[in-house]
């Protein structure tokens, strides 16, 4: 076994050994480094490694920190280097102490299990302390929760059709944004009322980013349908109201028709699916958060619970990085405003409203501002917090 220690002596740094000097016919190096013909002498510690074959010992001179400008080479060199090493060691110890304190805080808050090797970084810690969403995951199997969203959509089935229909609906609504009047844009941008806090100006997406945005809402719609039809008794949260269950039953009827058909009926039932998607969206957006100090009512909101699950890494129970979470929130917020236009357009068509601008303004002021007390206001405010990091 090799041993490593500091030899009880110091030597001058030389480039040729005594044996090399003798072989070359040169005078033997002076063993006393203090006799160096008046030249400044900078002693260095000699380290050794023992335990090589035949009990061989290897001596070497370690690399010392470079002294800062203004420090001259003298007998104080070692003490100066020692001070530098001491300063660096103190800094490292301080960081280790901070990490241990942070880790203890997370463990005490039950964010990390007793045997967890998962490291929650500074960003995720801020997210946890801001939202307390991790409390929803306590005593829950995160793999089951993820299974509500990440379905096998690689082959034709009704869930795949529902997913594709939501994306198509996003493209269809987006293609009509150029037709909006200045009045409609003003209402949508919420610039008329001084009593309501404004949100960012609504703009059309770049073609290259549309699909990734619309896919996010497709995951939400599939999650709601899957939860309502197959997992309505899963845990006690989130809460799905009666209207949402009724809409899901209408979708289930279309699924049964789709599965029983011997011919391709996708194009036949897509318009009906899209109308039901808009109504499901309206139900989600219109659901207000309850105010209570006894329990976290955000965990009863299906859209917020959806975001909590989407915030998890696919291969662990840790939350994703803040930059990724901010992107997910931006997509949910944008789609909420986009699908509002689609829902209102369909509602006006079905109900033959005369004063559509008034209906649009009332609907937006109720559901798409930061004081709406729904999933939109909750996620919008959260995104603003993440942006300041």
Protein backbone atom coordinates (compact mmCIF):
# COMPACT_ATOMS: atom_id res chain seq x y z
CA UNK A 1 0.00 0.00 0.00
CA UNK A 2 1.39 3.39 -0.93
CA UNK A 3 1.91 6.00 1.76
CA UNK A 4 2.07 9.74 1.24
CA UNK A 5 3.76 12.14 3.63
CA UNK A 6 5.83 15.27 3.94
CA UNK A 7 9.52 14.50 4.33
CA UNK A 8 11.22 16.08 7.33
CA UNK A 9 13.45 18.23 5.18
CA UNK A 10 13.38 20.87 2.48
CA UNK A 11 15.58 20.99 -0.59
CA UNK A 12 16.31 23.51 -3.29
CA UNK A 13 14.71 22.92 -6.66
CA UNK A 14 17.37 21.41 -8.93
CA UNK A 15 17.25 20.11 -12.44
CA UNK A 16 20.15 17.60 -12.20
CA UNK A 17 20.79 15.01 -9.48
CA UNK A 18 24.21 14.36 -7.91
CA UNK A 19 24.49 11.06 -9.79
CA UNK A 20 23.81 12.84 -13.09
CA UNK A 21 26.42 15.43 -12.22
CA UNK A 22 29.04 12.77 -11.45
CA UNK A 23 28.30 10.94 -14.69
CA UNK A 24 28.86 14.15 -16.60
CA UNK A 25 32.12 14.88 -14.80
CA UNK A 26 30.68 17.94 -13.17
CA UNK A 27 31.18 19.00 -9.53
CA UNK A 28 28.67 17.52 -7.10
CA UNK A 29 25.77 19.79 -6.22
CA UNK A 30 26.20 21.49 -2.90
CA UNK A 31 24.04 19.61 -0.40
CA UNK A 32 23.68 22.76 1.67
CA UNK A 33 21.19 24.96 -0.18
CA UNK A 34 22.05 27.93 2.04
CA UNK A 35 25.38 28.25 0.24
CA UNK A 36 24.07 29.46 -3.11
CA UNK A 37 26.57 32.19 -3.85
CA UNK A 38 24.34 34.97 -2.61
CA UNK A 39 21.37 34.03 -4.73
CA UNK A 40 17.91 34.22 -3.11
CA UNK A 41 16.80 30.84 -1.87
CA UNK A 42 13.17 29.75 -2.02
CA UNK A 43 12.75 26.53 -0.01
CA UNK A 44 10.04 24.07 -1.10
CA UNK A 45 8.68 21.10 0.84
CA UNK A 46 9.73 17.71 -0.44
CA UNK A 47 6.97 15.11 -0.53
CA UNK A 48 7.41 11.39 -0.88
CA UNK A 49 5.41 8.33 -1.88
CA UNK A 50 6.43 5.00 -0.34
CA UNK A 51 5.39 1.46 -1.10
CA UNK A 52 6.46 0.91 -4.66
CA UNK A 53 8.12 -2.43 -5.61
CA UNK A 54 11.24 -3.16 -3.56
CA UNK A 55 10.10 -0.58 -1.01
CA UNK A 56 11.05 2.15 -3.44
CA UNK A 57 10.50 5.78 -2.40
CA UNK A 58 9.73 8.57 -4.88
CA UNK A 59 10.36 12.18 -3.82
CA UNK A 60 8.77 15.12 -5.60
CA UNK A 61 8.22 18.83 -5.15
CA UNK A 62 4.55 19.88 -5.17
CA UNK A 63 3.26 22.83 -7.14
CA UNK A 64 2.57 25.78 -4.85
CA UNK A 65 0.06 28.58 -5.53
CA UNK A 66 1.37 31.49 -7.55
CA UNK A 67 1.94 34.49 -5.34
CA UNK A 68 0.06 37.65 -6.17
CA UNK A 69 1.85 40.70 -7.46
CA UNK A 70 3.58 42.75 -4.82
CA UNK A 71 4.78 39.70 -2.84
CA UNK A 72 8.49 39.23 -3.29
CA UNK A 73 10.33 35.94 -3.16
CA UNK A 74 11.79 35.76 0.35
CA UNK A 75 11.67 33.73 3.49
CA UNK A 76 8.01 34.84 3.81
CA UNK A 77 7.03 33.00 0.63
CA UNK A 78 5.89 29.86 2.39
CA UNK A 79 3.81 31.77 4.92
CA UNK A 80 2.25 33.80 2.08
CA UNK A 81 1.41 30.64 0.16
CA UNK A 82 0.03 29.17 3.36
CA UNK A 83 -2.25 32.17 3.76
CA UNK A 84 -3.54 31.74 0.21
CA UNK A 85 -4.22 28.04 0.79
CA UNK A 86 -5.90 28.85 4.09
CA UNK A 87 -8.14 31.43 2.40
CA UNK A 88 -9.14 29.00 -0.35
CA UNK A 89 -9.77 26.24 2.19
CA UNK A 90 -11.99 28.56 4.24
CA UNK A 91 -13.98 29.43 1.11
CA UNK A 92 -14.49 25.75 0.24
CA UNK A 93 -15.48 24.93 3.81
CA UNK A 94 -17.99 27.78 3.74
CA UNK A 95 -19.59 26.44 0.55
CA UNK A 96 -19.74 22.93 1.96
CA UNK A 97 -21.37 24.29 5.10
CA UNK A 98 -23.96 26.16 3.02
CA UNK A 99 -24.71 23.02 1.00
CA UNK A 100 -25.09 20.88 4.13
CA UNK A 101 -27.44 23.46 5.63
CA UNK A 102 -29.49 23.59 2.42
CA UNK A 103 -29.61 19.79 2.25
CA UNK A 104 -30.73 19.57 5.89
CA UNK A 105 -33.50 22.10 5.21
CA UNK A 106 -34.77 20.03 2.32
CA UNK A 107 -34.61 16.80 4.30
CA UNK A 108 -36.42 18.35 7.28
CA UNK A 109 -39.12 19.58 4.90
CA UNK A 110 -39.46 16.01 3.60
CA UNK A 111 -38.52 17.10 0.10
CA UNK A 112 -35.77 14.50 0.05
CA UNK A 113 -36.42 11.01 1.31
CA UNK A 114 -34.18 9.51 3.93
CA UNK A 115 -32.46 7.35 1.31
CA UNK A 116 -32.79 9.75 -1.60
CA UNK A 117 -29.76 10.45 -3.73
CA UNK A 118 -31.60 13.12 -5.71
CA UNK A 119 -29.98 16.54 -5.55
CA UNK A 120 -32.39 19.46 -5.73
CA UNK A 121 -30.45 22.46 -6.95
CA UNK A 122 -30.84 26.08 -5.94
CA UNK A 123 -33.41 26.87 -8.63
CA UNK A 124 -35.65 23.93 -7.77
CA UNK A 125 -35.35 24.83 -4.09
CA UNK A 126 -36.65 28.32 -4.86
CA UNK A 127 -39.52 26.77 -6.81
CA UNK A 128 -40.39 24.52 -3.86
CA UNK A 129 -40.32 27.34 -1.36
CA UNK A 130 -42.40 29.58 -3.61
CA UNK A 131 -45.17 27.15 -4.46
CA UNK A 132 -45.08 24.29 -1.95
CA UNK A 133 -46.26 22.13 -4.85
CA UNK A 134 -44.06 19.32 -3.57
CA UNK A 135 -46.62 18.81 -0.78
CA UNK A 136 -49.10 17.52 -3.36
CA UNK A 137 -46.70 14.70 -4.18
CA UNK A 138 -46.42 13.46 -0.60
CA UNK A 139 -47.70 9.88 -0.24
CA UNK A 140 -48.33 9.66 -4.00
CA UNK A 141 -46.74 7.46 -6.63
CA UNK A 142 -45.29 9.92 -9.13
CA UNK A 143 -45.04 7.21 -11.80
CA UNK A 144 -48.81 6.73 -11.68
CA UNK A 145 -49.32 10.49 -11.93
CA UNK A 146 -47.01 10.74 -14.94
CA UNK A 147 -48.89 7.85 -16.54
CA UNK A 148 -51.99 10.06 -16.70
CA UNK A 149 -50.18 12.39 -19.11
CA UNK A 150 -47.53 10.41 -20.96
CA UNK A 151 -49.61 7.86 -22.83
CA UNK A 152 -48.54 5.68 -25.71
CA UNK A 153 -49.61 7.85 -28.63
CA UNK A 154 -47.52 6.06 -31.20
CA UNK A 155 -50.39 4.12 -32.77
CA UNK A 156 -53.95 5.07 -33.83
CA UNK A 157 -56.39 5.29 -30.94
CA UNK A 158 -58.83 7.84 -29.58
CA UNK A 159 -56.24 9.43 -27.29
CA UNK A 160 -53.97 10.00 -30.26
CA UNK A 161 -56.91 11.51 -32.15
CA UNK A 162 -57.73 13.77 -29.18
CA UNK A 163 -54.11 14.87 -28.98
CA UNK A 164 -53.89 15.60 -32.73
CA UNK A 165 -57.26 17.39 -32.75
CA UNK A 166 -56.10 19.79 -30.03
CA UNK A 167 -52.97 20.65 -32.03
CA UNK A 168 -55.03 21.19 -35.18
CA UNK A 169 -57.45 23.39 -33.25
CA UNK A 170 -54.54 25.54 -32.09
CA UNK A 171 -53.40 26.02 -35.69
CA UNK A 172 -56.92 26.87 -36.83
CA UNK A 173 -57.44 29.56 -34.18
CA UNK A 174 -53.96 30.97 -34.71
CA UNK A 175 -54.57 31.33 -38.46
CA UNK A 176 -57.43 33.74 -37.73
CA UNK A 177 -55.52 36.17 -35.51
CA UNK A 178 -54.88 38.51 -38.44
CA UNK A 179 -58.64 38.98 -38.74
CA UNK A 180 -58.98 40.51 -35.28
CA UNK A 181 -60.09 44.12 -35.18
CA UNK A 182 -58.19 46.74 -33.21
CA UNK A 183 -61.03 46.75 -30.68
CA UNK A 184 -60.77 43.01 -30.15
CA UNK A 185 -57.00 43.23 -29.83
CA UNK A 186 -57.36 46.04 -27.31
CA UNK A 187 -59.76 43.95 -25.22
CA UNK A 188 -57.58 40.87 -25.48
CA UNK A 189 -54.49 42.85 -24.49
CA UNK A 190 -56.43 44.22 -21.52
CA UNK A 191 -55.33 47.82 -22.08
CA UNK A 192 -58.64 49.59 -21.55
CA UNK A 193 -59.24 49.07 -17.86
CA UNK A 194 -57.03 50.77 -15.29
CA UNK A 195 -58.55 48.74 -12.47
CA UNK A 196 -57.19 45.45 -13.76
CA UNK A 197 -53.56 44.45 -13.90
CA UNK A 198 -52.34 43.93 -17.43
CA UNK A 199 -50.72 40.88 -18.92
CA UNK A 200 -48.20 40.82 -21.75
CA UNK A 201 -49.35 41.74 -25.24
CA UNK A 202 -50.82 38.80 -27.12
CA UNK A 203 -48.99 38.05 -30.36
CA UNK A 204 -49.03 35.35 -32.98
CA UNK A 205 -46.36 32.70 -32.58
CA UNK A 206 -43.53 32.10 -35.00
CA UNK A 207 -44.30 29.15 -37.28
CA UNK A 208 -41.34 27.20 -35.91
CA UNK A 209 -42.64 27.37 -32.33
CA UNK A 210 -46.37 26.80 -32.84
CA UNK A 211 -46.37 23.03 -32.66
CA UNK A 212 -44.42 22.86 -29.37
CA UNK A 213 -46.89 25.35 -27.84
CA UNK A 214 -49.99 23.52 -29.04
CA UNK A 215 -48.60 20.14 -27.93
CA UNK A 216 -48.49 21.42 -24.35
CA UNK A 217 -52.23 22.05 -24.37
CA UNK A 218 -52.79 18.70 -26.04
CA UNK A 219 -51.15 17.02 -23.04
CA UNK A 220 -53.55 18.92 -20.76
CA UNK A 221 -56.69 17.89 -22.66
CA UNK A 222 -55.62 14.22 -22.81
CA UNK A 223 -54.80 14.31 -19.09
CA UNK A 224 -58.24 15.69 -18.17
CA UNK A 225 -60.04 13.12 -20.30
CA UNK A 226 -57.93 10.23 -19.03
CA UNK A 227 -58.42 11.35 -15.43
CA UNK A 228 -62.20 11.73 -15.80
CA UNK A 229 -62.81 8.43 -17.58
CA UNK A 230 -60.28 6.04 -16.09
CA UNK A 231 -58.93 7.50 -12.84
CA UNK A 232 -61.75 9.55 -11.32
CA UNK A 233 -61.20 7.82 -7.96
CA UNK A 234 -57.42 8.30 -7.99
CA UNK A 235 -56.55 10.00 -4.70
CA UNK A 236 -58.83 12.81 -3.52
CA UNK A 237 -57.44 15.51 -5.78
CA UNK A 238 -57.86 17.14 -8.17
CA UNK A 239 -61.54 17.96 -8.09
CA UNK A 240 -63.47 17.53 -11.35
CA UNK A 241 -66.84 19.23 -11.37
CA UNK A 242 -70.02 17.70 -12.74
CA UNK A 243 -69.91 19.65 -15.99
CA UNK A 244 -66.40 18.39 -16.69
CA UNK A 245 -67.52 14.81 -16.15
CA UNK A 246 -70.47 15.37 -18.51
CA UNK A 247 -68.18 16.74 -21.23
CA UNK A 248 -65.89 13.76 -20.74
CA UNK A 249 -68.85 11.43 -21.17
CA UNK A 250 -69.61 13.13 -24.50
CA UNK A 251 -66.04 12.52 -25.56
CA UNK A 252 -66.33 8.91 -24.37
CA UNK A 253 -69.35 8.42 -26.61
CA UNK A 254 -67.26 9.59 -29.57
CA UNK A 255 -64.47 7.22 -28.48
CA UNK A 256 -66.90 4.27 -28.42
CA UNK A 257 -68.17 5.21 -31.85
CA UNK A 258 -64.58 5.53 -33.11
CA UNK A 259 -63.56 2.14 -31.72
CA UNK A 260 -66.62 0.33 -33.06
CA UNK A 261 -66.38 1.73 -36.58
CA UNK A 262 -64.96 -0.49 -39.30
CA UNK A 263 -64.08 2.49 -41.50
CA UNK A 264 -61.98 5.59 -41.01
CA UNK A 265 -64.25 8.18 -39.36
CA UNK A 266 -61.62 10.57 -38.03
CA UNK A 267 -62.56 13.46 -40.31
CA UNK A 268 -66.22 12.90 -39.47
CA UNK A 269 -65.86 13.20 -35.71
CA UNK A 270 -63.00 15.72 -35.53
CA UNK A 271 -65.30 18.81 -35.64
CA UNK A 272 -67.32 17.42 -32.71
CA UNK A 273 -64.16 16.62 -30.79
CA UNK A 274 -62.85 20.16 -31.29
CA UNK A 275 -66.06 21.73 -30.01
CA UNK A 276 -65.89 19.56 -26.90
CA UNK A 277 -62.22 20.50 -26.43
CA UNK A 278 -63.20 24.18 -26.37
CA UNK A 279 -65.92 23.50 -23.81
CA UNK A 280 -63.54 21.49 -21.62
CA UNK A 281 -61.10 24.39 -21.81
CA UNK A 282 -63.79 26.88 -20.79
CA UNK A 283 -64.69 24.72 -17.81
CA UNK A 284 -61.06 24.60 -16.68
CA UNK A 285 -60.51 28.33 -17.12
CA UNK A 286 -63.77 29.35 -15.41
CA UNK A 287 -63.18 27.21 -12.32
CA UNK A 288 -62.25 29.55 -9.48
CA UNK A 289 -59.77 28.68 -6.74
CA UNK A 290 -61.29 28.33 -3.31
CA UNK A 291 -59.96 30.55 -0.53
CA UNK A 292 -58.99 28.60 2.55
CA UNK A 293 -56.26 28.61 5.21
CA UNK A 294 -56.96 25.03 6.23
CA UNK A 295 -55.81 23.37 3.02
CA UNK A 296 -54.00 24.20 -0.20
CA UNK A 297 -56.94 24.61 -2.58
CA UNK A 298 -54.68 24.84 -5.63
CA UNK A 299 -54.34 21.05 -5.36
CA UNK A 300 -58.04 20.76 -6.18
CA UNK A 301 -57.57 22.52 -9.51
CA UNK A 302 -56.92 19.97 -12.29
CA UNK A 303 -54.89 22.35 -14.46
CA UNK A 304 -52.54 23.27 -11.64
CA UNK A 305 -52.13 19.59 -10.74
CA UNK A 306 -51.37 18.93 -14.40
CA UNK A 307 -48.60 21.51 -14.24
CA UNK A 308 -47.19 19.97 -11.06
CA UNK A 309 -46.90 16.61 -12.82
CA UNK A 310 -45.44 18.19 -15.96
CA UNK A 311 -42.89 19.95 -13.76
CA UNK A 312 -41.42 16.60 -12.72
CA UNK A 313 -38.44 15.05 -14.44
CA UNK A 314 -39.41 12.00 -16.49
CA UNK A 315 -36.95 9.68 -14.76
CA UNK A 316 -37.19 10.94 -11.17
CA UNK A 317 -39.37 12.69 -8.62
CA UNK A 318 -37.34 15.91 -8.81
CA UNK A 319 -38.64 19.07 -10.38
CA UNK A 320 -37.18 20.33 -13.64
CA UNK A 321 -34.97 23.40 -13.82
CA UNK A 322 -36.53 26.83 -13.54
CA UNK A 323 -35.88 27.73 -17.18
CA UNK A 324 -37.79 24.65 -18.34
CA UNK A 325 -40.66 25.31 -15.92
CA UNK A 326 -40.91 28.88 -17.16
CA UNK A 327 -41.24 27.57 -20.73
CA UNK A 328 -44.07 25.19 -19.75
CA UNK A 329 -45.88 28.03 -17.97
CA UNK A 330 -45.50 30.34 -20.98
CA UNK A 331 -47.09 27.73 -23.24
CA UNK A 332 -50.03 27.16 -20.90
CA UNK A 333 -50.60 30.90 -20.55
CA UNK A 334 -50.41 31.54 -24.29
CA UNK A 335 -52.77 28.69 -25.13
CA UNK A 336 -55.23 29.91 -22.52
CA UNK A 337 -55.54 33.22 -24.32
CA UNK A 338 -55.56 31.63 -27.77
CA UNK A 339 -58.22 29.05 -26.95
CA UNK A 340 -60.30 31.79 -25.34
CA UNK A 341 -60.75 33.26 -28.83
CA UNK A 342 -61.74 29.86 -30.16
CA UNK A 343 -64.25 29.27 -27.37
CA UNK A 344 -65.82 32.72 -27.67
CA UNK A 345 -66.11 32.41 -31.44
CA UNK A 346 -67.87 29.05 -31.06
CA UNK A 347 -70.10 30.36 -28.24
CA UNK A 348 -71.19 33.36 -30.30
CA UNK A 349 -71.97 31.06 -33.23
CA UNK A 350 -74.01 28.63 -31.11
CA UNK A 351 -75.92 31.36 -29.25
CA UNK A 352 -76.21 33.99 -32.00
CA UNK A 353 -75.03 36.83 -29.76
CA UNK A 354 -75.51 40.39 -31.02
CA UNK A 355 -73.00 42.25 -28.83
CA UNK A 356 -70.01 39.93 -29.06
CA UNK A 357 -67.45 42.57 -28.04
CA UNK A 358 -69.14 43.06 -24.67
CA UNK A 359 -69.20 39.32 -24.08
CA UNK A 360 -65.50 39.07 -25.01
CA UNK A 361 -64.55 41.90 -22.67
CA UNK A 362 -66.54 40.49 -19.74
CA UNK A 363 -65.13 37.02 -20.30
CA UNK A 364 -61.50 38.21 -20.40
CA UNK A 365 -61.88 40.49 -17.38
CA UNK A 366 -63.27 37.56 -15.47
CA UNK A 367 -60.79 34.89 -16.52
CA UNK A 368 -57.60 36.25 -18.11
CA UNK A 369 -56.19 38.80 -15.68
CA UNK A 370 -53.87 38.38 -12.72
CA UNK A 371 -56.73 38.78 -10.23
CA UNK A 372 -58.99 36.17 -11.85
CA UNK A 373 -58.37 33.71 -9.00
CA UNK A 374 -58.20 30.74 -11.35
CA UNK A 375 -55.44 28.57 -12.78
CA UNK A 376 -54.51 31.33 -15.25
CA UNK A 377 -53.76 33.95 -12.59
CA UNK A 378 -51.95 31.39 -10.43
CA UNK A 379 -49.65 30.18 -13.22
CA UNK A 380 -49.12 33.69 -14.60
CA UNK A 381 -47.97 35.03 -11.23
CA UNK A 382 -45.71 32.00 -10.78
CA UNK A 383 -44.07 32.60 -14.14
CA UNK A 384 -43.39 36.21 -13.15
CA UNK A 385 -41.61 34.99 -10.02
CA UNK A 386 -39.47 32.57 -12.00
CA UNK A 387 -38.52 35.27 -14.48
CA UNK A 388 -36.76 37.36 -11.84
CA UNK A 389 -34.25 34.59 -11.07
